[in-house]
PDB file of N, CA and C in Angstrom:
ATOM      1  N   UNK A   1     106.079  91.269  36.583  1.00  0.00           N
ATOM      2  CA  UNK A   1     104.780  91.410  35.956  1.00  0.00           C
ATOM      3  C   UNK A   1     104.028  90.074  35.937  1.00  0.00           C
ATOM      4  N   UNK A   2     104.768  88.984  35.983  1.00  0.00           N
ATOM      5  CA  UNK A   2     104.130  87.675  35.960  1.00  0.00           C
ATOM      6  C   UNK A   2     103.780  87.154  37.352  1.00  0.00           C
ATOM      7  N   UNK A   3     104.179  87.873  38.388  1.00  0.00           N
ATOM      8  CA  UNK A   3     103.899  87.406  39.743  1.00  0.00           C
ATOM      9  C   UNK A   3     102.405  87.219  40.022  1.00  0.00           C
ATOM     10  N   UNK A   4     101.529  88.173  39.693  1.00  0.00           N
ATOM     11  CA  UNK A   4     100.102  87.928  39.931  1.00  0.00           C
ATOM     12  C   UNK A   4      99.565  86.722  39.159  1.00  0.00           C
ATOM     13  N   UNK A   5     100.094  86.496  37.974  1.00  0.00           N
ATOM     14  CA  UNK A   5      99.683  85.333  37.202  1.00  0.00           C
ATOM     15  C   UNK A   5     100.092  84.048  37.916  1.00  0.00           C
ATOM     16  N   UNK A   6     101.283  84.045  38.504  1.00  0.00           N
ATOM     17  CA  UNK A   6     101.734  82.891  39.286  1.00  0.00           C
ATOM     18  C   UNK A   6     100.820  82.676  40.492  1.00  0.00           C
ATOM     19  N   UNK A   7     100.406  83.757  41.129  1.00  0.00           N
ATOM     20  CA  UNK A   7      99.470  83.651  42.246  1.00  0.00           C
ATOM     21  C   UNK A   7      98.136  83.063  41.826  1.00  0.00           C
ATOM     22  N   UNK A   8      97.670  83.480  40.655  1.00  0.00           N
ATOM     23  CA  UNK A   8      96.404  82.948  40.148  1.00  0.00           C
ATOM     24  C   UNK A   8      96.521  81.458  39.858  1.00  0.00           C
ATOM     25  N   UNK A   9      97.625  81.041  39.246  1.00  0.00           N
ATOM     26  CA  UNK A   9      97.828  79.620  38.959  1.00  0.00           C
ATOM     27  C   UNK A   9      97.840  78.825  40.259  1.00  0.00           C
ATOM     28  N   UNK A  10      98.480  79.369  41.279  1.00  0.00           N
ATOM     29  CA  UNK A  10      98.512  78.722  42.583  1.00  0.00           C
ATOM     30  C   UNK A  10      97.110  78.571  43.164  1.00  0.00           C
ATOM     31  N   UNK A  11      96.354  79.654  43.162  1.00  0.00           N
ATOM     32  CA  UNK A  11      94.995  79.628  43.715  1.00  0.00           C
ATOM     33  C   UNK A  11      94.099  78.671  42.928  1.00  0.00           C
ATOM     34  N   UNK A  12      94.151  78.774  41.615  1.00  0.00           N
ATOM     35  CA  UNK A  12      93.312  77.914  40.778  1.00  0.00           C
ATOM     36  C   UNK A  12      93.708  76.453  40.935  1.00  0.00           C
ATOM     37  N   UNK A  13      94.999  76.202  40.962  1.00  0.00           N
ATOM     38  CA  UNK A  13      95.467  74.825  41.089  1.00  0.00           C
ATOM     39  C   UNK A  13      95.083  74.186  42.406  1.00  0.00           C
ATOM     40  N   UNK A  14      95.221  74.937  43.472  1.00  0.00           N
ATOM     41  CA  UNK A  14      94.893  74.388  44.787  1.00  0.00           C
ATOM     42  C   UNK A  14      93.394  74.335  45.055  1.00  0.00           C
ATOM     43  N   UNK A  15      92.638  75.201  44.415  1.00  0.00           N
ATOM     44  CA  UNK A  15      91.217  75.285  44.730  1.00  0.00           C
ATOM     45  C   UNK A  15      90.277  74.521  43.828  1.00  0.00           C
ATOM     46  N   UNK A  16      90.731  74.120  42.660  1.00  0.00           N
ATOM     47  CA  UNK A  16      89.822  73.503  41.686  1.00  0.00           C
ATOM     48  C   UNK A  16      89.242  72.182  42.182  1.00  0.00           C
ATOM     49  N   UNK A  17      90.093  71.298  42.625  1.00  0.00           N
ATOM     50  CA  UNK A  17      89.587  69.979  43.018  1.00  0.00           C
ATOM     51  C   UNK A  17      88.644  70.044  44.222  1.00  0.00           C
ATOM     52  N   UNK A  18      89.020  70.723  45.329  1.00  0.00           N
ATOM     53  CA  UNK A  18      88.075  70.778  46.455  1.00  0.00           C
ATOM     54  C   UNK A  18      86.760  71.457  46.095  1.00  0.00           C
ATOM     55  N   UNK A  19      86.821  72.497  45.273  1.00  0.00           N
ATOM     56  CA  UNK A  19      85.593  73.190  44.880  1.00  0.00           C
ATOM     57  C   UNK A  19      84.707  72.271  44.057  1.00  0.00           C
ATOM     58  N   UNK A  20      85.299  71.554  43.134  1.00  0.00           N
ATOM     59  CA  UNK A  20      84.517  70.623  42.315  1.00  0.00           C
ATOM     60  C   UNK A  20      83.953  69.500  43.183  1.00  0.00           C
ATOM     61  N   UNK A  21      84.754  69.010  44.103  1.00  0.00           N
ATOM     62  CA  UNK A  21      84.329  67.909  44.977  1.00  0.00           C
ATOM     63  C   UNK A  21      83.161  68.326  45.879  1.00  0.00           C
ATOM     64  N   UNK A  22      83.207  69.516  46.424  1.00  0.00           N
ATOM     65  CA  UNK A  22      82.180  69.967  47.365  1.00  0.00           C
ATOM     66  C   UNK A  22      80.966  70.593  46.692  1.00  0.00           C
ATOM     67  N   UNK A  23      81.165  71.288  45.578  1.00  0.00           N
ATOM     68  CA  UNK A  23      80.081  72.058  44.989  1.00  0.00           C
ATOM     69  C   UNK A  23      79.743  71.688  43.549  1.00  0.00           C
ATOM     70  N   UNK A  24      80.477  70.744  42.981  1.00  0.00           N
ATOM     71  CA  UNK A  24      80.176  70.282  41.637  1.00  0.00           C
ATOM     72  C   UNK A  24      80.582  71.275  40.564  1.00  0.00           C
ATOM     73  N   UNK A  25      80.063  71.041  39.383  1.00  0.00           N
ATOM     74  CA  UNK A  25      80.457  71.867  38.239  1.00  0.00           C
ATOM     75  C   UNK A  25      79.985  73.314  38.376  1.00  0.00           C
ATOM     76  N   UNK A  26      78.830  73.527  39.038  1.00  0.00           N
ATOM     77  CA  UNK A  26      78.361  74.900  39.244  1.00  0.00           C
ATOM     78  C   UNK A  26      79.315  75.672  40.151  1.00  0.00           C
ATOM     79  N   UNK A  27      79.815  75.007  41.182  1.00  0.00           N
ATOM     80  CA  UNK A  27      80.785  75.644  42.066  1.00  0.00           C
ATOM     81  C   UNK A  27      82.092  75.934  41.359  1.00  0.00           C
ATOM     82  N   UNK A  28      82.517  74.995  40.511  1.00  0.00           N
ATOM     83  CA  UNK A  28      83.750  75.196  39.752  1.00  0.00           C
ATOM     84  C   UNK A  28      83.603  76.358  38.775  1.00  0.00           C
ATOM     85  N   UNK A  29      82.438  76.474  38.173  1.00  0.00           N
ATOM     86  CA  UNK A  29      82.179  77.602  37.273  1.00  0.00           C
ATOM     87  C   UNK A  29      82.217  78.918  38.057  1.00  0.00           C
ATOM     88  N   UNK A  30      81.613  78.936  39.235  1.00  0.00           N
ATOM     89  CA  UNK A  30      81.630  80.149  40.064  1.00  0.00           C
ATOM     90  C   UNK A  30      83.058  80.511  40.462  1.00  0.00           C
ATOM     91  N   UNK A  31      83.865  79.504  40.794  1.00  0.00           N
ATOM     92  CA  UNK A  31      85.262  79.746  41.144  1.00  0.00           C
ATOM     93  C   UNK A  31      86.021  80.341  39.965  1.00  0.00           C
ATOM     94  N   UNK A  32      85.812  79.768  38.788  1.00  0.00           N
ATOM     95  CA  UNK A  32      86.515  80.244  37.590  1.00  0.00           C
ATOM     96  C   UNK A  32      86.140  81.684  37.265  1.00  0.00           C
ATOM     97  N   UNK A  33      84.862  82.002  37.324  1.00  0.00           N
ATOM     98  CA  UNK A  33      84.412  83.371  37.031  1.00  0.00           C
ATOM     99  C   UNK A  33      84.997  84.348  38.053  1.00  0.00           C
ATOM    100  N   UNK A  34      84.996  83.959  39.317  1.00  0.00           N
ATOM    101  CA  UNK A  34      85.549  84.818  40.365  1.00  0.00           C
ATOM    102  C   UNK A  34      87.026  85.102  40.110  1.00  0.00           C
ATOM    103  N   UNK A  35      87.753  84.070  39.766  1.00  0.00           N
ATOM    104  CA  UNK A  35      89.182  84.248  39.546  1.00  0.00           C
ATOM    105  C   UNK A  35      89.471  85.069  38.295  1.00  0.00           C
ATOM    106  N   UNK A  36      88.681  84.884  37.267  1.00  0.00           N
ATOM    107  CA  UNK A  36      88.876  85.691  36.058  1.00  0.00           C
ATOM    108  C   UNK A  36      88.652  87.169  36.365  1.00  0.00           C
ATOM    109  N   UNK A  37      87.612  87.466  37.123  1.00  0.00           N
ATOM    110  CA  UNK A  37      87.344  88.862  37.487  1.00  0.00           C
ATOM    111  C   UNK A  37      88.528  89.454  38.243  1.00  0.00           C
ATOM    112  N   UNK A  38      89.016  88.735  39.238  1.00  0.00           N
ATOM    113  CA  UNK A  38      90.112  89.263  40.049  1.00  0.00           C
ATOM    114  C   UNK A  38      91.387  89.415  39.230  1.00  0.00           C
ATOM    115  N   UNK A  39      91.693  88.448  38.369  1.00  0.00           N
ATOM    116  CA  UNK A  39      92.907  88.540  37.546  1.00  0.00           C
ATOM    117  C   UNK A  39      92.812  89.700  36.565  1.00  0.00           C
ATOM    118  N   UNK A  40      91.676  89.850  35.907  1.00  0.00           N
ATOM    119  CA  UNK A  40      91.511  90.936  34.937  1.00  0.00           C
ATOM    120  C   UNK A  40      91.609  92.294  35.629  1.00  0.00           C
ATOM    121  N   UNK A  41      90.973  92.431  36.766  1.00  0.00           N
ATOM    122  CA  UNK A  41      91.035  93.703  37.493  1.00  0.00           C
ATOM    123  C   UNK A  41      92.455  93.953  38.005  1.00  0.00           C
ATOM    124  N   UNK A  42      93.113  92.913  38.486  1.00  0.00           N
ATOM    125  CA  UNK A  42      94.481  93.073  38.977  1.00  0.00           C
ATOM    126  C   UNK A  42      95.388  93.599  37.875  1.00  0.00           C
ATOM    127  N   UNK A  43      95.357  92.948  36.722  1.00  0.00           N
ATOM    128  CA  UNK A  43      96.207  93.413  35.626  1.00  0.00           C
ATOM    129  C   UNK A  43      95.720  94.740  35.049  1.00  0.00           C
ATOM    130  N   UNK A  44      94.419  94.975  35.094  1.00  0.00           N
ATOM    131  CA  UNK A  44      93.890  96.242  34.604  1.00  0.00           C
ATOM    132  C   UNK A  44      94.317  97.431  35.439  1.00  0.00           C
ATOM    133  N   UNK A  45      94.667  97.197  36.693  1.00  0.00           N
ATOM    134  CA  UNK A  45      95.152  98.279  37.549  1.00  0.00           C
ATOM    135  C   UNK A  45      96.672  98.253  37.701  1.00  0.00           C
ATOM    136  N   UNK A  46      97.275  97.077  37.604  1.00  0.00           N
ATOM    137  CA  UNK A  46      98.719  96.941  37.765  1.00  0.00           C
ATOM    138  C   UNK A  46      99.489  97.511  36.578  1.00  0.00           C
ATOM    139  N   UNK A  47      99.085  97.159  35.381  1.00  0.00           N
ATOM    140  CA  UNK A  47      99.826  97.568  34.181  1.00  0.00           C
ATOM    141  C   UNK A  47      99.877  99.091  34.023  1.00  0.00           C
ATOM    142  N   UNK A  48      98.763  99.810  34.159  1.00  0.00           N
ATOM    143  CA  UNK A  48      98.861 101.274  34.045  1.00  0.00           C
ATOM    144  C   UNK A  48      99.774 101.893  35.113  1.00  0.00           C
ATOM    145  N   UNK A  49      99.726 101.367  36.331  1.00  0.00           N
ATOM    146  CA  UNK A  49     100.596 101.897  37.382  1.00  0.00           C
ATOM    147  C   UNK A  49     102.062 101.649  37.045  1.00  0.00           C
ATOM    148  N   UNK A  50     102.361 100.451  36.565  1.00  0.00           N
ATOM    149  CA  UNK A  50     103.754 100.129  36.224  1.00  0.00           C
ATOM    150  C   UNK A  50     104.240 100.964  35.038  1.00  0.00           C
ATOM    151  N   UNK A  51     103.366 101.236  34.105  1.00  0.00           N
ATOM    152  CA  UNK A  51     103.758 102.051  32.947  1.00  0.00           C
ATOM    153  C   UNK A  51     104.046 103.495  33.327  1.00  0.00           C
ATOM    154  N   UNK A  52     103.320 104.009  34.322  1.00  0.00           N
ATOM    155  CA  UNK A  52     103.515 105.409  34.716  1.00  0.00           C
ATOM    156  C   UNK A  52     104.673 105.594  35.681  1.00  0.00           C
ATOM    157  N   UNK A  53     105.073 104.547  36.380  1.00  0.00           N
ATOM    158  CA  UNK A  53     106.116 104.680  37.398  1.00  0.00           C
ATOM    159  C   UNK A  53     107.442 105.245  36.884  1.00  0.00           C
ATOM    160  N   UNK A  54     107.919 104.876  35.700  1.00  0.00           N
ATOM    161  CA  UNK A  54     109.195 105.449  35.257  1.00  0.00           C
ATOM    162  C   UNK A  54     109.152 106.963  35.043  1.00  0.00           C
ATOM    163  N   UNK A  55     107.980 107.517  34.876  1.00  0.00           N
ATOM    164  CA  UNK A  55     107.836 108.940  34.590  1.00  0.00           C
ATOM    165  C   UNK A  55     107.843 109.814  35.838  1.00  0.00           C
ATOM    166  N   UNK A  56     107.738 109.202  37.012  1.00  0.00           N
ATOM    167  CA  UNK A  56     107.572 109.989  38.241  1.00  0.00           C
ATOM    168  C   UNK A  56     108.691 109.671  39.237  1.00  0.00           C
ATOM    169  N   UNK A  57     108.798 110.518  40.271  1.00  0.00           N
ATOM    170  CA  UNK A  57     109.813 110.294  41.292  1.00  0.00           C
ATOM    171  C   UNK A  57     109.347 109.242  42.302  1.00  0.00           C
ATOM    172  N   UNK A  58     110.221 108.907  43.214  1.00  0.00           N
ATOM    173  CA  UNK A  58     109.961 107.810  44.149  1.00  0.00           C
ATOM    174  C   UNK A  58     108.700 108.006  44.994  1.00  0.00           C
ATOM    175  N   UNK A  59     108.469 109.153  45.616  1.00  0.00           N
ATOM    176  CA  UNK A  59     107.231 109.306  46.400  1.00  0.00           C
ATOM    177  C   UNK A  59     105.970 109.156  45.536  1.00  0.00           C
ATOM    178  N   UNK A  60     106.035 109.635  44.316  1.00  0.00           N
ATOM    179  CA  UNK A  60     104.865 109.537  43.433  1.00  0.00           C
ATOM    180  C   UNK A  60     104.603 108.085  43.026  1.00  0.00           C
ATOM    181  N   UNK A  61     105.642 107.269  43.034  1.00  0.00           N
ATOM    182  CA  UNK A  61     105.446 105.838  42.725  1.00  0.00           C
ATOM    183  C   UNK A  61     104.597 105.172  43.792  1.00  0.00           C
ATOM    184  N   UNK A  62     104.838 105.545  45.030  1.00  0.00           N
ATOM    185  CA  UNK A  62     104.023 105.007  46.116  1.00  0.00           C
ATOM    186  C   UNK A  62     102.568 105.421  45.948  1.00  0.00           C
ATOM    187  N   UNK A  63     102.353 106.663  45.578  1.00  0.00           N
ATOM    188  CA  UNK A  63     100.991 107.159  45.346  1.00  0.00           C
ATOM    189  C   UNK A  63     100.329 106.383  44.212  1.00  0.00           C
ATOM    190  N   UNK A  64     101.072 106.132  43.140  1.00  0.00           N
ATOM    191  CA  UNK A  64     100.527 105.342  42.030  1.00  0.00           C
ATOM    192  C   UNK A  64     100.136 103.942  42.485  1.00  0.00           C
ATOM    193  N   UNK A  65     100.993 103.327  43.286  1.00  0.00           N
ATOM    194  CA  UNK A  65     100.695 101.981  43.784  1.00  0.00           C
ATOM    195  C   UNK A  65      99.455 101.987  44.667  1.00  0.00           C
ATOM    196  N   UNK A  66      99.334 103.004  45.504  1.00  0.00           N
ATOM    197  CA  UNK A  66      98.157 103.105  46.377  1.00  0.00           C
ATOM    198  C   UNK A  66      96.883 103.339  45.563  1.00  0.00           C
ATOM    199  N   UNK A  67      96.968 104.196  44.561  1.00  0.00           N
ATOM    200  CA  UNK A  67      95.803 104.435  43.701  1.00  0.00           C
ATOM    201  C   UNK A  67      95.406 103.161  42.963  1.00  0.00           C
ATOM    202  N   UNK A  68      96.387 102.401  42.507  1.00  0.00           N
ATOM    203  CA  UNK A  68      96.091 101.133  41.836  1.00  0.00           C
ATOM    204  C   UNK A  68      95.348 100.201  42.791  1.00  0.00           C
ATOM    205  N   UNK A  69      95.759 100.196  44.054  1.00  0.00           N
ATOM    206  CA  UNK A  69      95.088  99.362  45.044  1.00  0.00           C
ATOM    207  C   UNK A  69      93.649  99.783  45.294  1.00  0.00           C
ATOM    208  N   UNK A  70      93.428 101.077  45.352  1.00  0.00           N
ATOM    209  CA  UNK A  70      92.057 101.585  45.555  1.00  0.00           C
ATOM    210  C   UNK A  70      91.183 101.234  44.356  1.00  0.00           C
ATOM    211  N   UNK A  71      91.719 101.444  43.151  1.00  0.00           N
ATOM    212  CA  UNK A  71      90.970 101.087  41.944  1.00  0.00           C
ATOM    213  C   UNK A  71      90.685  99.579  41.898  1.00  0.00           C
ATOM    214  N   UNK A  72      91.693  98.778  42.276  1.00  0.00           N
ATOM    215  CA  UNK A  72      91.514  97.332  42.258  1.00  0.00           C
ATOM    216  C   UNK A  72      90.381  96.919  43.196  1.00  0.00           C
ATOM    217  N   UNK A  73      90.392  97.451  44.400  1.00  0.00           N
ATOM    218  CA  UNK A  73      89.345  97.112  45.357  1.00  0.00           C
ATOM    219  C   UNK A  73      87.973  97.541  44.837  1.00  0.00           C
ATOM    220  N   UNK A  74      87.878  98.783  44.375  1.00  0.00           N
ATOM    221  CA  UNK A  74      86.591  99.288  43.897  1.00  0.00           C
ATOM    222  C   UNK A  74      86.049  98.510  42.711  1.00  0.00           C
ATOM    223  N   UNK A  75      86.906  98.250  41.734  1.00  0.00           N
ATOM    224  CA  UNK A  75      86.455  97.507  40.557  1.00  0.00           C
ATOM    225  C   UNK A  75      86.103  96.058  40.893  1.00  0.00           C
ATOM    226  N   UNK A  76      86.873  95.461  41.791  1.00  0.00           N
ATOM    227  CA  UNK A  76      86.573  94.082  42.196  1.00  0.00           C
ATOM    228  C   UNK A  76      85.222  94.006  42.888  1.00  0.00           C
ATOM    229  N   UNK A  77      84.975  94.913  43.797  1.00  0.00           N
ATOM    230  CA  UNK A  77      83.692  94.920  44.505  1.00  0.00           C
ATOM    231  C   UNK A  77      82.547  95.178  43.531  1.00  0.00           C
ATOM    232  N   UNK A  78      82.706  96.166  42.666  1.00  0.00           N
ATOM    233  CA  UNK A  78      81.655  96.522  41.713  1.00  0.00           C
ATOM    234  C   UNK A  78      81.342  95.365  40.757  1.00  0.00           C
ATOM    235  N   UNK A  79      82.368  94.813  40.139  1.00  0.00           N
ATOM    236  CA  UNK A  79      82.142  93.718  39.188  1.00  0.00           C
ATOM    237  C   UNK A  79      81.637  92.456  39.870  1.00  0.00           C
ATOM    238  N   UNK A  80      82.138  92.179  41.051  1.00  0.00           N
ATOM    239  CA  UNK A  80      81.682  90.989  41.777  1.00  0.00           C
ATOM    240  C   UNK A  80      80.232  91.125  42.222  1.00  0.00           C
ATOM    241  N   UNK A  81      79.860  92.296  42.695  1.00  0.00           N
ATOM    242  CA  UNK A  81      78.472  92.525  43.103  1.00  0.00           C
ATOM    243  C   UNK A  81      77.540  92.415  41.905  1.00  0.00           C
ATOM    244  N   UNK A  82      77.947  92.998  40.787  1.00  0.00           N
ATOM    245  CA  UNK A  82      77.121  92.920  39.576  1.00  0.00           C
ATOM    246  C   UNK A  82      76.969  91.476  39.114  1.00  0.00           C
ATOM    247  N   UNK A  83      78.063  90.730  39.123  1.00  0.00           N
ATOM    248  CA  UNK A  83      78.015  89.337  38.691  1.00  0.00           C
ATOM    249  C   UNK A  83      77.144  88.507  39.629  1.00  0.00           C
ATOM    250  N   UNK A  84      77.314  88.698  40.934  1.00  0.00           N
ATOM    251  CA  UNK A  84      76.518  87.938  41.906  1.00  0.00           C
ATOM    252  C   UNK A  84      75.035  88.280  41.792  1.00  0.00           C
ATOM    253  N   UNK A  85      74.741  89.516  41.457  1.00  0.00           N
ATOM    254  CA  UNK A  85      73.352  89.959  41.369  1.00  0.00           C
ATOM    255  C   UNK A  85      72.695  89.528  40.058  1.00  0.00           C
ATOM    256  N   UNK A  86      73.427  89.606  38.973  1.00  0.00           N
ATOM    257  CA  UNK A  86      72.826  89.433  37.648  1.00  0.00           C
ATOM    258  C   UNK A  86      73.021  88.057  37.020  1.00  0.00           C
ATOM    259  N   UNK A  87      74.023  87.325  37.416  1.00  0.00           N
ATOM    260  CA  UNK A  87      74.369  86.076  36.748  1.00  0.00           C
ATOM    261  C   UNK A  87      73.896  84.890  37.583  1.00  0.00           C
ATOM    262  N   UNK A  88      73.338  83.870  36.958  1.00  0.00           N
ATOM    263  CA  UNK A  88      72.878  82.703  37.729  1.00  0.00           C
ATOM    264  C   UNK A  88      74.054  81.776  38.084  1.00  0.00           C
ATOM    265  N   UNK A  89      74.780  82.133  39.126  1.00  0.00           N
ATOM    266  CA  UNK A  89      75.905  81.319  39.576  1.00  0.00           C
ATOM    267  C   UNK A  89      75.727  80.982  41.050  1.00  0.00           C
ATOM    268  N   UNK A  90      76.537  80.091  41.543  1.00  0.00           N
ATOM    269  CA  UNK A  90      76.562  79.771  42.972  1.00  0.00           C
ATOM    270  C   UNK A  90      77.157  80.974  43.704  1.00  0.00           C
ATOM    271  N   UNK A  91      76.291  81.837  44.203  1.00  0.00           N
ATOM    272  CA  UNK A  91      76.721  83.129  44.732  1.00  0.00           C
ATOM    273  C   UNK A  91      77.692  82.997  45.904  1.00  0.00           C
ATOM    274  N   UNK A  92      77.395  82.111  46.848  1.00  0.00           N
ATOM    275  CA  UNK A  92      78.280  81.990  48.013  1.00  0.00           C
ATOM    276  C   UNK A  92      79.664  81.507  47.611  1.00  0.00           C
ATOM    277  N   UNK A  93      79.711  80.505  46.756  1.00  0.00           N
ATOM    278  CA  UNK A  93      81.003  79.985  46.284  1.00  0.00           C
ATOM    279  C   UNK A  93      81.738  81.078  45.517  1.00  0.00           C
ATOM    280  N   UNK A  94      81.013  81.782  44.672  1.00  0.00           N
ATOM    281  CA  UNK A  94      81.600  82.860  43.881  1.00  0.00           C
ATOM    282  C   UNK A  94      82.229  83.924  44.774  1.00  0.00           C
ATOM    283  N   UNK A  95      81.489  84.405  45.755  1.00  0.00           N
ATOM    284  CA  UNK A  95      81.991  85.472  46.616  1.00  0.00           C
ATOM    285  C   UNK A  95      83.151  85.013  47.497  1.00  0.00           C
ATOM    286  N   UNK A  96      83.107  83.769  47.955  1.00  0.00           N
ATOM    287  CA  UNK A  96      84.232  83.241  48.728  1.00  0.00           C
ATOM    288  C   UNK A  96      85.486  83.197  47.857  1.00  0.00           C
ATOM    289  N   UNK A  97      85.333  82.767  46.594  1.00  0.00           N
ATOM    290  CA  UNK A  97      86.495  82.693  45.711  1.00  0.00           C
ATOM    291  C   UNK A  97      86.982  84.068  45.278  1.00  0.00           C
ATOM    292  N   UNK A  98      86.099  85.030  45.180  1.00  0.00           N
ATOM    293  CA  UNK A  98      86.554  86.401  44.917  1.00  0.00           C
ATOM    294  C   UNK A  98      87.456  86.847  46.067  1.00  0.00           C
ATOM    295  N   UNK A  99      87.004  86.605  47.291  1.00  0.00           N
ATOM    296  CA  UNK A  99      87.792  87.014  48.460  1.00  0.00           C
ATOM    297  C   UNK A  99      89.132  86.288  48.513  1.00  0.00           C
ATOM    298  N   UNK A 100      89.129  84.978  48.296  1.00  0.00           N
ATOM    299  CA  UNK A 100      90.372  84.208  48.341  1.00  0.00           C
ATOM    300  C   UNK A 100      91.337  84.688  47.260  1.00  0.00           C
ATOM    301  N   UNK A 101      90.848  84.780  46.031  1.00  0.00           N
ATOM    302  CA  UNK A 101      91.709  85.201  44.924  1.00  0.00           C
ATOM    303  C   UNK A 101      92.226  86.614  45.153  1.00  0.00           C
ATOM    304  N   UNK A 102      91.373  87.486  45.646  1.00  0.00           N
ATOM    305  CA  UNK A 102      91.776  88.872  45.901  1.00  0.00           C
ATOM    306  C   UNK A 102      92.904  88.922  46.929  1.00  0.00           C
ATOM    307  N   UNK A 103      92.735  88.211  48.023  1.00  0.00           N
ATOM    308  CA  UNK A 103      93.746  88.242  49.083  1.00  0.00           C
ATOM    309  C   UNK A 103      95.080  87.668  48.615  1.00  0.00           C
ATOM    310  N   UNK A 104      95.034  86.608  47.842  1.00  0.00           N
ATOM    311  CA  UNK A 104      96.283  86.022  47.343  1.00  0.00           C
ATOM    312  C   UNK A 104      96.924  86.949  46.314  1.00  0.00           C
ATOM    313  N   UNK A 105      96.119  87.420  45.352  1.00  0.00           N
ATOM    314  CA  UNK A 105      96.689  88.241  44.279  1.00  0.00           C
ATOM    315  C   UNK A 105      97.168  89.604  44.761  1.00  0.00           C
ATOM    316  N   UNK A 106      96.575  90.127  45.825  1.00  0.00           N
ATOM    317  CA  UNK A 106      97.043  91.417  46.329  1.00  0.00           C
ATOM    318  C   UNK A 106      98.485  91.297  46.818  1.00  0.00           C
ATOM    319  N   UNK A 107      98.822  90.175  47.425  1.00  0.00           N
ATOM    320  CA  UNK A 107     100.208  90.012  47.885  1.00  0.00           C
ATOM    321  C   UNK A 107     101.159  89.869  46.700  1.00  0.00           C
ATOM    322  N   UNK A 108     100.738  89.153  45.675  1.00  0.00           N
ATOM    323  CA  UNK A 108     101.573  89.003  44.488  1.00  0.00           C
ATOM    324  C   UNK A 108     101.685  90.325  43.722  1.00  0.00           C
ATOM    325  N   UNK A 109     100.593  91.067  43.649  1.00  0.00           N
ATOM    326  CA  UNK A 109     100.636  92.367  42.968  1.00  0.00           C
ATOM    327  C   UNK A 109     101.529  93.343  43.724  1.00  0.00           C
ATOM    328  N   UNK A 110     101.429  93.345  45.034  1.00  0.00           N
ATOM    329  CA  UNK A 110     102.276  94.220  45.840  1.00  0.00           C
ATOM    330  C   UNK A 110     103.746  93.875  45.630  1.00  0.00           C
ATOM    331  N   UNK A 111     104.051  92.589  45.606  1.00  0.00           N
ATOM    332  CA  UNK A 111     105.434  92.162  45.357  1.00  0.00           C
ATOM    333  C   UNK A 111     105.911  92.636  43.987  1.00  0.00           C
ATOM    334  N   UNK A 112     105.042  92.518  42.988  1.00  0.00           N
ATOM    335  CA  UNK A 112     105.414  92.964  41.638  1.00  0.00           C
ATOM    336  C   UNK A 112     105.681  94.463  41.614  1.00  0.00           C
ATOM    337  N   UNK A 113     104.844  95.246  42.281  1.00  0.00           N
ATOM    338  CA  UNK A 113     105.033  96.696  42.304  1.00  0.00           C
ATOM    339  C   UNK A 113     106.301  97.085  43.066  1.00  0.00           C
ATOM    340  N   UNK A 114     106.578  96.402  44.170  1.00  0.00           N
ATOM    341  CA  UNK A 114     107.784  96.694  44.949  1.00  0.00           C
ATOM    342  C   UNK A 114     109.026  96.354  44.135  1.00  0.00           C
ATOM    343  N   UNK A 115     109.035  95.202  43.494  1.00  0.00           N
ATOM    344  CA  UNK A 115     110.184  94.818  42.669  1.00  0.00           C
ATOM    345  C   UNK A 115     110.382  95.790  41.503  1.00  0.00           C
ATOM    346  N   UNK A 116     109.288  96.222  40.899  1.00  0.00           N
ATOM    347  CA  UNK A 116     109.378  97.171  39.786  1.00  0.00           C
ATOM    348  C   UNK A 116     109.920  98.516  40.272  1.00  0.00           C
ATOM    349  N   UNK A 117     109.417  98.982  41.405  1.00  0.00           N
ATOM    350  CA  UNK A 117     109.900 100.250  41.963  1.00  0.00           C
ATOM    351  C   UNK A 117     111.382 100.159  42.316  1.00  0.00           C
ATOM    352  N   UNK A 118     111.812  99.039  42.884  1.00  0.00           N
ATOM    353  CA  UNK A 118     113.235  98.864  43.215  1.00  0.00           C
ATOM    354  C   UNK A 118     114.087  98.841  41.942  1.00  0.00           C
ATOM    355  N   UNK A 119     113.593  98.193  40.904  1.00  0.00           N
ATOM    356  CA  UNK A 119     114.333  98.149  39.644  1.00  0.00           C
ATOM    357  C   UNK A 119     114.476  99.565  39.087  1.00  0.00           C
ATOM    358  N   UNK A 120     113.394 100.321  39.113  1.00  0.00           N
ATOM    359  CA  UNK A 120     113.464 101.705  38.609  1.00  0.00           C
ATOM    360  C   UNK A 120     114.416 102.542  39.443  1.00  0.00           C
ATOM    361  N   UNK A 121     114.413 102.331  40.755  1.00  0.00           N
ATOM    362  CA  UNK A 121     115.289 103.081  41.642  1.00  0.00           C
ATOM    363  C   UNK A 121     116.751 102.729  41.381  1.00  0.00           C
ATOM    364  N   UNK A 122     117.037 101.457  41.166  1.00  0.00           N
ATOM    365  CA  UNK A 122     118.420 101.069  40.900  1.00  0.00           C
ATOM    366  C   UNK A 122     118.893 101.590  39.538  1.00  0.00           C
ATOM    367  N   UNK A 123     117.979 101.676  38.579  1.00  0.00           N
ATOM    368  CA  UNK A 123     118.338 102.246  37.281  1.00  0.00           C
ATOM    369  C   UNK A 123     118.616 103.733  37.391  1.00  0.00           C
ATOM    370  N   UNK A 124     117.875 104.400  38.254  1.00  0.00           N
ATOM    371  CA  UNK A 124     118.066 105.834  38.433  1.00  0.00           C
ATOM    372  C   UNK A 124     119.403 106.131  39.126  1.00  0.00           C
ATOM    373  N   UNK A 125     119.843 105.230  39.986  1.00  0.00           N
ATOM    374  CA  UNK A 125     121.095 105.425  40.733  1.00  0.00           C
ATOM    375  C   UNK A 125     122.318 105.099  39.889  1.00  0.00           C
ATOM    376  N   UNK A 126     122.138 104.344  38.807  1.00  0.00           N
ATOM    377  CA  UNK A 126     123.313 103.966  38.024  1.00  0.00           C
ATOM    378  C   UNK A 126     123.590 104.901  36.885  1.00  0.00           C
TER     379      UNK A 126
END
């Protein structure tokens, strides 16, 4: 469950200094907002899927994971578009950081879901 958080720390840690150096405080603010959106959406879709997985069989777990991914993509696009349209931020920096954070966190979220599904499967076999 902490894997996506570790991914976010990695992205934020590696990206803060170059973003501040190239785009200043406005760019850093755009990066922070982008990452918060992606982290909140990631956990907002990951936690419900993980909570429902113990209640269903193995094929249904895959369906839950896929639905979480679809919801994550849709909510990320919707919230990012709204933020870029309505909020006075560095739009290009913001959208680039949404994409970077999304791509990194999707791999961490997928790993978390796979590990959780394997744990549930091993519990069912014992």
